[in-house]
Amino acid sequence: MKRFLLILVRIGLPMALLVYLLASVQREDYVDFWNRPKRWELLAAAQAVALVAIVISFLRWQLLVRCFEIPFTTREALRLGFLGYLMNFVSLGSVGGDFFKAILVAREKRSKRPEAVASVLLDRAVGLLGLILLAWFCIQFLATEQVPPLIVRLGLAAGVLSLLSVVSLLLLVYAGNWLNRLIKWLARNIPWIGMPVARMAVAVRLLRKYPTSIPILIASSVLVHAMLTASVYLVSRGLYPKSPTLQQHMMVIPPAMAAGALPIAPGGLGVQEGAIVGLFQALPDVDSEYSSVLVAAVFRLVTLAIAGAGVAYYIASHGKEWQYFQQATAGEKQDGF
């Protein structure tokens, strides 16, 4: 009975979270979306592009875990990745799901707990690095003379932060023996957290054995966020014939997604949408009928649909537990309950 209840919780909780998230979307957003003429093929393409982008981010994490010399299958990466993605929407910021993902991967990789947690933290750092790199590149090289000062300042800030992040990552991975001595000192002298932190640092330094890993990780992160930006553009085109250009989307969406990553609201709900609306309003020559509010809301529905697909995959990936659940239910019926 205890195992039955545990399985019920593991299956029912993700489904309950998904229902809660769908109910949290404003009714007016559903009504506006449904009543407006749409190009369904573009909206379907937006959904597909976003889904592929999220899956690529899970495979990036899998590559990182394997570089840390931890056995990790694609099925495990997708199962834990989708669950972490779902939990993003009920924790502060879009990085909150990583906390739950770190707990789960540490539970499943008991002998490599610090290294497994380090993979989650570094993957998130690389993801944010790719996002700010994309924001800097788009604002620096795609901006026109009419771009407002706010977006120019965001581009400069993204460039500085990108440079500092890349230098810090390379220093952590390729620094000499002085860093090894510091890691050993931490392990010996800092109680409770010294050894886990030291093991995490040693795991990150394993990337030296795989010279192409860092460029691949960063490039895949940039690709993921570029695809998500393209997904927002497809939503715009699917709803409005006269929508902002792809170039304008590339200048607006990455900074808005970075704002959504701040630990302010669950999954960046409201924060990302507000940033999208504010930055589009700052752009010149945006059609007066274009509603960035509706576009942001529909893109949120796209991400919730991905979370729904993740719930389905998570349940299906627990094949043996689901089979036991069915057998237990059938047994109760046979017993007359």
C-alpha atoms as a PDB file:
ATOM      1  CA  MET A   1       0.000   0.000   0.000  1.00  0.00           C
ATOM      2  CA  LYS A   2       2.842   2.370   0.861  1.00  0.00           C
ATOM      3  CA  ARG A   3       4.485   1.790  -2.508  1.00  0.00           C
ATOM      4  CA  PHE A   4       1.137   2.251  -4.224  1.00  0.00           C
ATOM      5  CA  LEU A   5       0.666   5.649  -2.554  1.00  0.00           C
ATOM      6  CA  LEU A   6       4.217   6.688  -3.480  1.00  0.00           C
ATOM      7  CA  ILE A   7       3.594   5.848  -7.130  1.00  0.00           C
ATOM      8  CA  LEU A   8       0.281   7.698  -7.020  1.00  0.00           C
ATOM      9  CA  VAL A   9       2.038  10.817  -5.723  1.00  0.00           C
ATOM     10  CA  ARG A  10       4.820  10.596  -8.327  1.00  0.00           C
ATOM     11  CA  ILE A  11       2.277  10.331 -11.129  1.00  0.00           C
ATOM     12  CA  GLY A  12      -0.453  12.568  -9.753  1.00  0.00           C
ATOM     13  CA  LEU A  13       1.678  15.484  -8.577  1.00  0.00           C
ATOM     14  CA  PRO A  14       3.076  16.450 -12.022  1.00  0.00           C
ATOM     15  CA  MET A  15      -0.409  16.202 -13.532  1.00  0.00           C
ATOM     16  CA  ALA A  16      -1.880  18.356 -10.752  1.00  0.00           C
ATOM     17  CA  LEU A  17       0.854  20.947 -11.280  1.00  0.00           C
ATOM     18  CA  LEU A  18       0.072  21.093 -14.997  1.00  0.00           C
ATOM     19  CA  VAL A  19      -3.640  21.627 -14.351  1.00  0.00           C
ATOM     20  CA  TYR A  20      -2.789  24.395 -11.886  1.00  0.00           C
ATOM     21  CA  LEU A  21      -0.545  26.121 -14.422  1.00  0.00           C
ATOM     22  CA  LEU A  22      -3.169  26.009 -17.168  1.00  0.00           C
ATOM     23  CA  ALA A  23      -5.739  27.436 -14.755  1.00  0.00           C
ATOM     24  CA  SER A  24      -3.362  30.269 -13.818  1.00  0.00           C
ATOM     25  CA  VAL A  25      -3.523  31.725 -17.351  1.00  0.00           C
ATOM     26  CA  GLN A  26      -5.998  34.597 -17.552  1.00  0.00           C
ATOM     27  CA  ARG A  27      -9.332  33.685 -19.129  1.00  0.00           C
ATOM     28  CA  GLU A  28      -9.141  36.800 -21.319  1.00  0.00           C
ATOM     29  CA  ASP A  29      -5.944  35.468 -22.891  1.00  0.00           C
ATOM     30  CA  TYR A  30      -7.690  32.265 -23.952  1.00  0.00           C
ATOM     31  CA  VAL A  31     -10.648  34.242 -25.339  1.00  0.00           C
ATOM     32  CA  ASP A  32      -8.464  36.710 -27.259  1.00  0.00           C
ATOM     33  CA  PHE A  33      -6.408  33.897 -28.721  1.00  0.00           C
ATOM     34  CA  TRP A  34      -9.418  31.890 -29.829  1.00  0.00           C
ATOM     35  CA  ASN A  35     -11.349  34.787 -31.408  1.00  0.00           C
ATOM     36  CA  ARG A  36      -8.467  36.184 -33.451  1.00  0.00           C
ATOM     37  CA  PRO A  37      -7.855  34.920 -37.032  1.00  0.00           C
ATOM     38  CA  LYS A  38      -4.801  32.710 -36.961  1.00  0.00           C
ATOM     39  CA  ARG A  39      -2.332  30.934 -39.198  1.00  0.00           C
ATOM     40  CA  TRP A  40      -2.338  27.569 -37.503  1.00  0.00           C
ATOM     41  CA  GLU A  41       0.597  26.236 -39.483  1.00  0.00           C
ATOM     42  CA  LEU A  42       2.856  28.960 -38.065  1.00  0.00           C
ATOM     43  CA  LEU A  43       1.591  28.374 -34.531  1.00  0.00           C
ATOM     44  CA  ALA A  44       2.243  24.649 -34.934  1.00  0.00           C
ATOM     45  CA  ALA A  45       5.734  25.451 -36.197  1.00  0.00           C
ATOM     46  CA  ALA A  46       6.287  27.676 -33.150  1.00  0.00           C
ATOM     47  CA  GLN A  47       5.322  24.781 -30.885  1.00  0.00           C
ATOM     48  CA  ALA A  48       7.623  22.366 -32.704  1.00  0.00           C
ATOM     49  CA  VAL A  49      10.611  24.735 -32.706  1.00  0.00           C
ATOM     50  CA  ALA A  50      10.217  25.439 -28.984  1.00  0.00           C
ATOM     51  CA  LEU A  51       9.931  21.733 -28.161  1.00  0.00           C
ATOM     52  CA  VAL A  52      13.078  20.877 -30.129  1.00  0.00           C
ATOM     53  CA  ALA A  53      14.929  23.730 -28.402  1.00  0.00           C
ATOM     54  CA  ILE A  54      14.004  22.420 -24.948  1.00  0.00           C
ATOM     55  CA  VAL A  55      15.035  18.874 -25.877  1.00  0.00           C
ATOM     56  CA  ILE A  56      18.397  20.189 -27.119  1.00  0.00           C
ATOM     57  CA  SER A  57      18.901  21.835 -23.723  1.00  0.00           C
ATOM     58  CA  PHE A  58      18.340  18.465 -22.028  1.00  0.00           C
ATOM     59  CA  LEU A  59      20.843  16.789 -24.350  1.00  0.00           C
ATOM     60  CA  ARG A  60      23.343  19.554 -23.542  1.00  0.00           C
ATOM     61  CA  TRP A  61      22.971  18.669 -19.884  1.00  0.00           C
ATOM     62  CA  GLN A  62      23.486  14.994 -20.711  1.00  0.00           C
ATOM     63  CA  LEU A  63      26.766  15.849 -22.471  1.00  0.00           C
ATOM     64  CA  LEU A  64      27.909  17.783 -19.427  1.00  0.00           C
ATOM     65  CA  VAL A  65      27.051  14.934 -17.047  1.00  0.00           C
ATOM     66  CA  ARG A  66      29.000  12.484 -19.181  1.00  0.00           C
ATOM     67  CA  CYS A  67      31.988  14.825 -19.222  1.00  0.00           C
ATOM     68  CA  PHE A  68      31.859  14.522 -15.427  1.00  0.00           C
ATOM     69  CA  GLU A  69      32.259  10.746 -15.926  1.00  0.00           C
ATOM     70  CA  ILE A  70      28.787   9.896 -14.639  1.00  0.00           C
ATOM     71  CA  PRO A  71      26.754   7.247 -16.514  1.00  0.00           C
ATOM     72  CA  PHE A  72      23.670   9.049 -17.800  1.00  0.00           C
ATOM     73  CA  THR A  73      21.304   7.834 -20.502  1.00  0.00           C
ATOM     74  CA  THR A  74      19.271   9.961 -22.877  1.00  0.00           C
ATOM     75  CA  ARG A  75      16.117   8.610 -21.274  1.00  0.00           C
ATOM     76  CA  GLU A  76      17.282   9.792 -17.850  1.00  0.00           C
ATOM     77  CA  ALA A  77      18.192  13.216 -19.235  1.00  0.00           C
ATOM     78  CA  LEU A  78      14.776  13.654 -20.846  1.00  0.00           C
ATOM     79  CA  ARG A  79      12.837  12.350 -17.843  1.00  0.00           C
ATOM     80  CA  LEU A  80      14.595  14.534 -15.268  1.00  0.00           C
ATOM     81  CA  GLY A  81      14.869  17.435 -17.707  1.00  0.00           C
ATOM     82  CA  PHE A  82      11.135  17.526 -18.407  1.00  0.00           C
ATOM     83  CA  LEU A  83      10.316  17.264 -14.703  1.00  0.00           C
ATOM     84  CA  GLY A  84      12.710  20.119 -13.909  1.00  0.00           C
ATOM     85  CA  TYR A  85      11.161  22.153 -16.726  1.00  0.00           C
ATOM     86  CA  LEU A  86       7.711  21.630 -15.230  1.00  0.00           C
ATOM     87  CA  MET A  87       8.944  22.631 -11.775  1.00  0.00           C
ATOM     88  CA  ASN A  88      10.308  25.879 -13.244  1.00  0.00           C
ATOM     89  CA  PHE A  89       6.730  27.139 -13.323  1.00  0.00           C
ATOM     90  CA  VAL A  90       6.093  26.667  -9.606  1.00  0.00           C
ATOM     91  CA  SER A  91       9.386  28.036  -8.269  1.00  0.00           C
ATOM     92  CA  LEU A  92      10.904  31.517  -8.321  1.00  0.00           C
ATOM     93  CA  GLY A  93      12.370  32.424 -11.680  1.00  0.00           C
ATOM     94  CA  SER A  94      13.039  30.076 -14.580  1.00  0.00           C
ATOM     95  CA  VAL A  95      16.054  28.672 -12.710  1.00  0.00           C
ATOM     96  CA  GLY A  96      14.069  27.309  -9.766  1.00  0.00           C
ATOM     97  CA  GLY A  97      13.360  23.981 -11.435  1.00  0.00           C
ATOM     98  CA  ASP A  98      17.083  23.267 -11.338  1.00  0.00           C
ATOM     99  CA  PHE A  99      16.846  22.998  -7.545  1.00  0.00           C
ATOM    100  CA  PHE A 100      14.402  20.113  -7.863  1.00  0.00           C
ATOM    101  CA  LYS A 101      16.386  18.593 -10.722  1.00  0.00           C
ATOM    102  CA  ALA A 102      19.553  18.695  -8.608  1.00  0.00           C
ATOM    103  CA  ILE A 103      17.768  16.874  -5.783  1.00  0.00           C
ATOM    104  CA  LEU A 104      16.477  14.182  -8.126  1.00  0.00           C
ATOM    105  CA  VAL A 105      19.751  13.580  -9.950  1.00  0.00           C
ATOM    106  CA  ALA A 106      21.626  13.451  -6.631  1.00  0.00           C
ATOM    107  CA  ARG A 107      19.141  10.866  -5.400  1.00  0.00           C
ATOM    108  CA  GLU A 108      19.635   8.692  -8.476  1.00  0.00           C
ATOM    109  CA  LYS A 109      23.459   9.072  -8.627  1.00  0.00           C
ATOM    110  CA  ARG A 110      24.229   8.505  -4.945  1.00  0.00           C
ATOM    111  CA  SER A 111      27.932   7.760  -5.407  1.00  0.00           C
ATOM    112  CA  LYS A 112      28.388  10.930  -7.475  1.00  0.00           C
ATOM    113  CA  ARG A 113      26.098  13.365  -5.695  1.00  0.00           C
ATOM    114  CA  PRO A 114      28.375  16.451  -5.646  1.00  0.00           C
ATOM    115  CA  GLU A 115      29.355  15.900  -9.273  1.00  0.00           C
ATOM    116  CA  ALA A 116      25.719  15.409 -10.321  1.00  0.00           C
ATOM    117  CA  VAL A 117      24.652  18.605  -8.550  1.00  0.00           C
ATOM    118  CA  ALA A 118      27.593  20.433 -10.146  1.00  0.00           C
ATOM    119  CA  SER A 119      26.342  19.354 -13.577  1.00  0.00           C
ATOM    120  CA  VAL A 120      22.953  20.969 -12.909  1.00  0.00           C
ATOM    121  CA  LEU A 121      24.490  24.207 -11.642  1.00  0.00           C
ATOM    122  CA  LEU A 122      27.009  24.488 -14.474  1.00  0.00           C
ATOM    123  CA  ASP A 123      24.378  23.649 -17.078  1.00  0.00           C
ATOM    124  CA  ARG A 124      22.233  26.504 -15.793  1.00  0.00           C
ATOM    125  CA  ALA A 125      25.222  28.846 -15.819  1.00  0.00           C
ATOM    126  CA  VAL A 126      26.035  27.857 -19.405  1.00  0.00           C
ATOM    127  CA  GLY A 127      22.379  28.333 -20.348  1.00  0.00           C
ATOM    128  CA  LEU A 128      22.338  31.866 -18.967  1.00  0.00           C
ATOM    129  CA  LEU A 129      25.690  32.570 -20.625  1.00  0.00           C
ATOM    130  CA  GLY A 130      24.276  31.545 -23.997  1.00  0.00           C
ATOM    131  CA  LEU A 131      21.270  33.784 -23.415  1.00  0.00           C
ATOM    132  CA  ILE A 132      23.266  36.913 -22.613  1.00  0.00           C
ATOM    133  CA  LEU A 133      25.708  36.166 -25.447  1.00  0.00           C
ATOM    134  CA  LEU A 134      22.789  36.018 -27.862  1.00  0.00           C
ATOM    135  CA  ALA A 135      21.343  39.244 -26.447  1.00  0.00           C
ATOM    136  CA  TRP A 136      24.687  41.016 -26.821  1.00  0.00           C
ATOM    137  CA  PHE A 137      25.260  39.754 -30.372  1.00  0.00           C
ATOM    138  CA  CYS A 138      21.778  40.673 -31.602  1.00  0.00           C
ATOM    139  CA  ILE A 139      21.797  44.164 -30.100  1.00  0.00           C
ATOM    140  CA  GLN A 140      25.386  44.822 -31.177  1.00  0.00           C
ATOM    141  CA  PHE A 141      25.160  43.608 -34.771  1.00  0.00           C
ATOM    142  CA  LEU A 142      21.457  43.680 -35.685  1.00  0.00           C
ATOM    143  CA  ALA A 143      20.444  47.004 -34.134  1.00  0.00           C
ATOM    144  CA  THR A 144      19.670  49.968 -36.365  1.00  0.00           C
ATOM    145  CA  GLU A 145      20.202  53.661 -35.672  1.00  0.00           C
ATOM    146  CA  GLN A 146      16.602  53.912 -34.456  1.00  0.00           C
ATOM    147  CA  VAL A 147      17.088  51.497 -31.551  1.00  0.00           C
ATOM    148  CA  PRO A 148      16.196  53.226 -28.251  1.00  0.00           C
ATOM    149  CA  PRO A 149      18.940  53.881 -25.660  1.00  0.00           C
ATOM    150  CA  LEU A 150      17.424  51.327 -23.237  1.00  0.00           C
ATOM    151  CA  ILE A 151      18.126  48.436 -25.596  1.00  0.00           C
ATOM    152  CA  VAL A 152      21.612  49.784 -26.365  1.00  0.00           C
ATOM    153  CA  ARG A 153      22.406  49.831 -22.636  1.00  0.00           C
ATOM    154  CA  LEU A 154      21.081  46.298 -22.274  1.00  0.00           C
ATOM    155  CA  GLY A 155      23.425  45.221 -25.060  1.00  0.00           C
ATOM    156  CA  LEU A 156      26.443  46.800 -23.374  1.00  0.00           C
ATOM    157  CA  ALA A 157      25.565  45.169 -20.043  1.00  0.00           C
ATOM    158  CA  ALA A 158      25.131  41.805 -21.758  1.00  0.00           C
ATOM    159  CA  GLY A 159      28.531  42.165 -23.441  1.00  0.00           C
ATOM    160  CA  VAL A 160      30.340  42.914 -20.177  1.00  0.00           C
ATOM    161  CA  LEU A 161      28.562  40.098 -18.342  1.00  0.00           C
ATOM    162  CA  SER A 162      29.318  37.661 -21.178  1.00  0.00           C
ATOM    163  CA  LEU A 163      33.021  38.499 -21.094  1.00  0.00           C
ATOM    164  CA  LEU A 164      33.245  38.099 -17.322  1.00  0.00           C
ATOM    165  CA  SER A 165      31.346  34.796 -17.444  1.00  0.00           C
ATOM    166  CA  VAL A 166      33.519  33.282 -20.172  1.00  0.00           C
ATOM    167  CA  VAL A 167      36.731  34.340 -18.418  1.00  0.00           C
ATOM    168  CA  SER A 168      35.490  32.902 -15.103  1.00  0.00           C
ATOM    169  CA  LEU A 169      34.544  29.584 -16.699  1.00  0.00           C
ATOM    170  CA  LEU A 170      37.870  29.234 -18.512  1.00  0.00           C
ATOM    171  CA  LEU A 171      39.738  30.154 -15.331  1.00  0.00           C
ATOM    172  CA  LEU A 172      37.892  27.523 -13.313  1.00  0.00           C
ATOM    173  CA  VAL A 173      38.573  24.831 -15.904  1.00  0.00           C
ATOM    174  CA  TYR A 174      42.121  25.645 -17.005  1.00  0.00           C
ATOM    175  CA  ALA A 175      43.730  27.342 -13.980  1.00  0.00           C
ATOM    176  CA  GLY A 176      46.993  25.798 -12.782  1.00  0.00           C
ATOM    177  CA  ASN A 177      48.025  23.924  -9.657  1.00  0.00           C
ATOM    178  CA  TRP A 178      47.243  26.871  -7.385  1.00  0.00           C
ATOM    179  CA  LEU A 179      43.550  26.152  -7.877  1.00  0.00           C
ATOM    180  CA  ASN A 180      44.099  22.455  -7.171  1.00  0.00           C
ATOM    181  CA  ARG A 181      45.770  23.403  -3.889  1.00  0.00           C
ATOM    182  CA  LEU A 182      42.858  25.689  -3.031  1.00  0.00           C
ATOM    183  CA  ILE A 183      40.398  22.884  -3.734  1.00  0.00           C
ATOM    184  CA  LYS A 184      42.325  20.511  -1.453  1.00  0.00           C
ATOM    185  CA  TRP A 185      42.430  23.157   1.272  1.00  0.00           C
ATOM    186  CA  LEU A 186      38.655  23.550   1.065  1.00  0.00           C
ATOM    187  CA  ALA A 187      38.170  19.803   1.380  1.00  0.00           C
ATOM    188  CA  ARG A 188      40.400  19.604   4.470  1.00  0.00           C
ATOM    189  CA  ASN A 189      39.493  22.763   6.368  1.00  0.00           C
ATOM    190  CA  ILE A 190      35.866  23.685   5.700  1.00  0.00           C
ATOM    191  CA  PRO A 191      33.488  21.438   7.648  1.00  0.00           C
ATOM    192  CA  TRP A 192      30.316  20.032   6.100  1.00  0.00           C
ATOM    193  CA  ILE A 193      30.459  21.875   2.775  1.00  0.00           C
ATOM    194  CA  GLY A 194      34.196  21.810   2.034  1.00  0.00           C
ATOM    195  CA  MET A 195      34.333  18.301   0.605  1.00  0.00           C
ATOM    196  CA  PRO A 196      31.172  18.555  -1.563  1.00  0.00           C
ATOM    197  CA  VAL A 197      32.291  21.921  -2.964  1.00  0.00           C
ATOM    198  CA  ALA A 198      35.761  20.531  -3.661  1.00  0.00           C
ATOM    199  CA  ARG A 199      34.293  17.534  -5.497  1.00  0.00           C
ATOM    200  CA  MET A 200      32.122  19.865  -7.575  1.00  0.00           C
ATOM    201  CA  ALA A 201      35.151  21.957  -8.517  1.00  0.00           C
ATOM    202  CA  VAL A 202      37.145  18.849  -9.433  1.00  0.00           C
ATOM    203  CA  ALA A 203      34.245  17.687 -11.621  1.00  0.00           C
ATOM    204  CA  VAL A 204      34.153  21.000 -13.490  1.00  0.00           C
ATOM    205  CA  ARG A 205      37.892  20.791 -14.093  1.00  0.00           C
ATOM    206  CA  LEU A 206      37.350  17.451 -15.830  1.00  0.00           C
ATOM    207  CA  LEU A 207      36.242  19.508 -18.837  1.00  0.00           C
ATOM    208  CA  ARG A 208      39.965  19.961 -19.560  1.00  0.00           C
ATOM    209  CA  LYS A 209      39.955  16.375 -20.817  1.00  0.00           C
ATOM    210  CA  TYR A 210      37.356  17.313 -23.435  1.00  0.00           C
ATOM    211  CA  PRO A 211      38.668  20.445 -25.220  1.00  0.00           C
ATOM    212  CA  THR A 212      35.650  20.748 -27.506  1.00  0.00           C
ATOM    213  CA  SER A 213      33.107  20.472 -24.693  1.00  0.00           C
ATOM    214  CA  ILE A 214      33.011  24.151 -23.689  1.00  0.00           C
ATOM    215  CA  PRO A 215      32.508  25.504 -27.250  1.00  0.00           C
ATOM    216  CA  ILE A 216      29.826  22.862 -27.864  1.00  0.00           C
ATOM    217  CA  LEU A 217      28.032  23.658 -24.607  1.00  0.00           C
ATOM    218  CA  ILE A 218      28.044  27.417 -25.240  1.00  0.00           C
ATOM    219  CA  ALA A 219      27.076  27.080 -28.922  1.00  0.00           C
ATOM    220  CA  SER A 220      24.193  24.745 -28.080  1.00  0.00           C
ATOM    221  CA  SER A 221      22.986  27.201 -25.443  1.00  0.00           C
ATOM    222  CA  VAL A 222      22.996  30.067 -27.944  1.00  0.00           C
ATOM    223  CA  LEU A 223      21.158  27.821 -30.423  1.00  0.00           C
ATOM    224  CA  VAL A 224      18.476  26.943 -27.857  1.00  0.00           C
ATOM    225  CA  HIS A 225      17.681  30.579 -27.096  1.00  0.00           C
ATOM    226  CA  ALA A 226      17.811  31.562 -30.768  1.00  0.00           C
ATOM    227  CA  MET A 227      15.241  28.841 -31.489  1.00  0.00           C
ATOM    228  CA  LEU A 228      13.017  30.020 -28.635  1.00  0.00           C
ATOM    229  CA  THR A 229      13.227  33.550 -30.041  1.00  0.00           C
ATOM    230  CA  ALA A 230      12.259  32.182 -33.455  1.00  0.00           C
ATOM    231  CA  SER A 231       9.323  30.444 -31.780  1.00  0.00           C
ATOM    232  CA  VAL A 232       8.068  33.779 -30.417  1.00  0.00           C
ATOM    233  CA  TYR A 233       8.459  35.279 -33.901  1.00  0.00           C
ATOM    234  CA  LEU A 234       6.366  32.461 -35.386  1.00  0.00           C
ATOM    235  CA  VAL A 235       3.687  33.127 -32.763  1.00  0.00           C
ATOM    236  CA  SER A 236       3.695  36.804 -33.788  1.00  0.00           C
ATOM    237  CA  ARG A 237       3.384  35.906 -37.462  1.00  0.00           C
ATOM    238  CA  GLY A 238       0.672  33.376 -36.682  1.00  0.00           C
ATOM    239  CA  LEU A 239      -1.444  36.022 -34.943  1.00  0.00           C
ATOM    240  CA  TYR A 240      -0.628  39.252 -36.799  1.00  0.00           C
ATOM    241  CA  PRO A 241       0.073  39.749 -40.526  1.00  0.00           C
ATOM    242  CA  LYS A 242       1.949  42.960 -39.652  1.00  0.00           C
ATOM    243  CA  SER A 243       4.165  41.799 -36.815  1.00  0.00           C
ATOM    244  CA  PRO A 244       7.655  43.022 -35.866  1.00  0.00           C
ATOM    245  CA  THR A 245      10.467  41.572 -37.939  1.00  0.00           C
ATOM    246  CA  LEU A 246      12.653  38.649 -36.903  1.00  0.00           C
ATOM    247  CA  GLN A 247      15.468  41.166 -36.421  1.00  0.00           C
ATOM    248  CA  GLN A 248      13.351  43.120 -33.936  1.00  0.00           C
ATOM    249  CA  HIS A 249      12.406  39.925 -32.112  1.00  0.00           C
ATOM    250  CA  MET A 250      16.088  39.018 -31.790  1.00  0.00           C
ATOM    251  CA  MET A 251      16.727  42.347 -30.056  1.00  0.00           C
ATOM    252  CA  VAL A 252      13.769  42.051 -27.667  1.00  0.00           C
ATOM    253  CA  ILE A 253      13.200  38.413 -26.716  1.00  0.00           C
ATOM    254  CA  PRO A 254      16.642  37.370 -25.322  1.00  0.00           C
ATOM    255  CA  PRO A 255      16.792  40.298 -22.837  1.00  0.00           C
ATOM    256  CA  ALA A 256      13.176  39.594 -21.858  1.00  0.00           C
ATOM    257  CA  MET A 257      13.983  35.929 -21.239  1.00  0.00           C
ATOM    258  CA  ALA A 258      16.941  36.984 -19.108  1.00  0.00           C
ATOM    259  CA  ALA A 259      14.531  39.074 -17.026  1.00  0.00           C
ATOM    260  CA  GLY A 260      12.275  36.039 -16.680  1.00  0.00           C
ATOM    261  CA  ALA A 261      15.181  34.091 -15.186  1.00  0.00           C
ATOM    262  CA  LEU A 262      15.324  36.432 -12.181  1.00  0.00           C
ATOM    263  CA  PRO A 263      14.008  34.818  -8.965  1.00  0.00           C
ATOM    264  CA  ILE A 264      10.976  37.080  -8.701  1.00  0.00           C
ATOM    265  CA  ALA A 265       7.971  35.008  -9.776  1.00  0.00           C
ATOM    266  CA  PRO A 266       7.310  31.302 -10.480  1.00  0.00           C
ATOM    267  CA  GLY A 267       8.700  30.453 -13.896  1.00  0.00           C
ATOM    268  CA  GLY A 268       9.183  34.137 -14.575  1.00  0.00           C
ATOM    269  CA  LEU A 269       5.392  34.394 -14.935  1.00  0.00           C
ATOM    270  CA  GLY A 270       4.517  38.030 -15.521  1.00  0.00           C
ATOM    271  CA  VAL A 271       8.142  39.154 -15.436  1.00  0.00           C
ATOM    272  CA  GLN A 272       9.061  37.778 -18.862  1.00  0.00           C
ATOM    273  CA  GLU A 273       5.760  38.926 -20.337  1.00  0.00           C
ATOM    274  CA  GLY A 274       6.188  42.401 -18.862  1.00  0.00           C
ATOM    275  CA  ALA A 275       9.703  42.657 -20.274  1.00  0.00           C
ATOM    276  CA  ILE A 276       8.497  41.584 -23.729  1.00  0.00           C
ATOM    277  CA  VAL A 277       5.736  44.196 -23.679  1.00  0.00           C
ATOM    278  CA  GLY A 278       8.011  46.981 -22.425  1.00  0.00           C
ATOM    279  CA  LEU A 279      10.814  46.325 -24.910  1.00  0.00           C
ATOM    280  CA  PHE A 280       8.463  46.050 -27.898  1.00  0.00           C
ATOM    281  CA  GLN A 281       6.852  49.343 -26.872  1.00  0.00           C
ATOM    282  CA  ALA A 282      10.305  50.927 -26.885  1.00  0.00           C
ATOM    283  CA  LEU A 283      10.845  49.952 -30.526  1.00  0.00           C
ATOM    284  CA  PRO A 284       9.840  52.347 -33.305  1.00  0.00           C
ATOM    285  CA  ASP A 285       7.572  51.413 -36.202  1.00  0.00           C
ATOM    286  CA  VAL A 286       5.652  48.613 -34.455  1.00  0.00           C
ATOM    287  CA  ASP A 287       2.151  48.305 -35.928  1.00  0.00           C
ATOM    288  CA  SER A 288      -0.527  49.824 -33.675  1.00  0.00           C
ATOM    289  CA  GLU A 289      -2.718  46.696 -33.907  1.00  0.00           C
ATOM    290  CA  TYR A 290       0.096  44.431 -32.729  1.00  0.00           C
ATOM    291  CA  SER A 291      -0.428  43.250 -29.141  1.00  0.00           C
ATOM    292  CA  SER A 292       2.784  42.058 -27.553  1.00  0.00           C
ATOM    293  CA  VAL A 293       0.684  41.149 -24.495  1.00  0.00           C
ATOM    294  CA  LEU A 294      -1.255  38.542 -26.469  1.00  0.00           C
ATOM    295  CA  VAL A 295       1.901  37.237 -28.153  1.00  0.00           C
ATOM    296  CA  ALA A 296       3.621  36.848 -24.788  1.00  0.00           C
ATOM    297  CA  ALA A 297       0.563  35.065 -23.368  1.00  0.00           C
ATOM    298  CA  VAL A 298       0.349  32.662 -26.312  1.00  0.00           C
ATOM    299  CA  PHE A 299       4.063  31.891 -26.059  1.00  0.00           C
ATOM    300  CA  ARG A 300       3.462  31.095 -22.385  1.00  0.00           C
ATOM    301  CA  LEU A 301       0.807  28.608 -23.551  1.00  0.00           C
ATOM    302  CA  VAL A 302       3.405  27.116 -25.900  1.00  0.00           C
ATOM    303  CA  THR A 303       5.759  26.542 -22.976  1.00  0.00           C
ATOM    304  CA  LEU A 304       2.943  25.058 -20.889  1.00  0.00           C
ATOM    305  CA  ALA A 305       2.163  22.650 -23.728  1.00  0.00           C
ATOM    306  CA  ILE A 306       5.796  21.530 -23.593  1.00  0.00           C
ATOM    307  CA  ALA A 307       5.404  21.017 -19.851  1.00  0.00           C
ATOM    308  CA  GLY A 308       2.353  18.875 -20.628  1.00  0.00           C
ATOM    309  CA  ALA A 309       4.351  16.775 -23.061  1.00  0.00           C
ATOM    310  CA  GLY A 310       6.985  16.463 -20.359  1.00  0.00           C
ATOM    311  CA  VAL A 311       4.431  15.143 -17.870  1.00  0.00           C
ATOM    312  CA  ALA A 312       3.351  12.509 -20.402  1.00  0.00           C
ATOM    313  CA  TYR A 313       6.954  11.480 -21.028  1.00  0.00           C
ATOM    314  CA  TYR A 314       7.734  11.411 -17.302  1.00  0.00           C
ATOM    315  CA  ILE A 315       4.809   9.064 -16.635  1.00  0.00           C
ATOM    316  CA  ALA A 316       5.623   6.869 -19.640  1.00  0.00           C
ATOM    317  CA  SER A 317       9.283   6.622 -18.633  1.00  0.00           C
ATOM    318  CA  HIS A 318       8.249   5.018 -15.344  1.00  0.00           C
ATOM    319  CA  GLY A 319       6.989   1.983 -17.228  1.00  0.00           C
ATOM    320  CA  LYS A 320       7.419  -0.533 -14.423  1.00  0.00           C
ATOM    321  CA  GLU A 321       5.817   1.720 -11.834  1.00  0.00           C
ATOM    322  CA  TRP A 322       2.898   2.493 -14.124  1.00  0.00           C
ATOM    323  CA  GLN A 323       2.454  -1.234 -14.753  1.00  0.00           C
ATOM    324  CA  TYR A 324       2.447  -1.841 -10.999  1.00  0.00           C
ATOM    325  CA  PHE A 325      -0.120   0.939 -10.590  1.00  0.00           C
ATOM    326  CA  GLN A 326      -2.413  -0.738 -13.098  1.00  0.00           C
ATOM    327  CA  GLN A 327      -1.939  -4.161 -11.500  1.00  0.00           C
ATOM    328  CA  ALA A 328      -2.664  -2.772  -8.047  1.00  0.00           C
ATOM    329  CA  THR A 329      -5.815  -1.072  -9.299  1.00  0.00           C
ATOM    330  CA  ALA A 330      -6.969  -4.273 -11.001  1.00  0.00           C
ATOM    331  CA  GLY A 331      -6.249  -6.232  -7.815  1.00  0.00           C
ATOM    332  CA  GLU A 332      -8.421  -3.918  -5.755  1.00  0.00           C
ATOM    333  CA  LYS A 333     -11.282  -4.336  -8.214  1.00  0.00           C
ATOM    334  CA  GLN A 334     -10.985  -8.124  -8.022  1.00  0.00           C
ATOM    335  CA  ASP A 335     -11.073  -7.917  -4.219  1.00  0.00           C
ATOM    336  CA  GLY A 336     -14.315  -6.025  -4.412  1.00  0.00           C
ATOM    337  CA  PHE A 337     -13.101  -2.531  -3.534  1.00  0.00           C
END
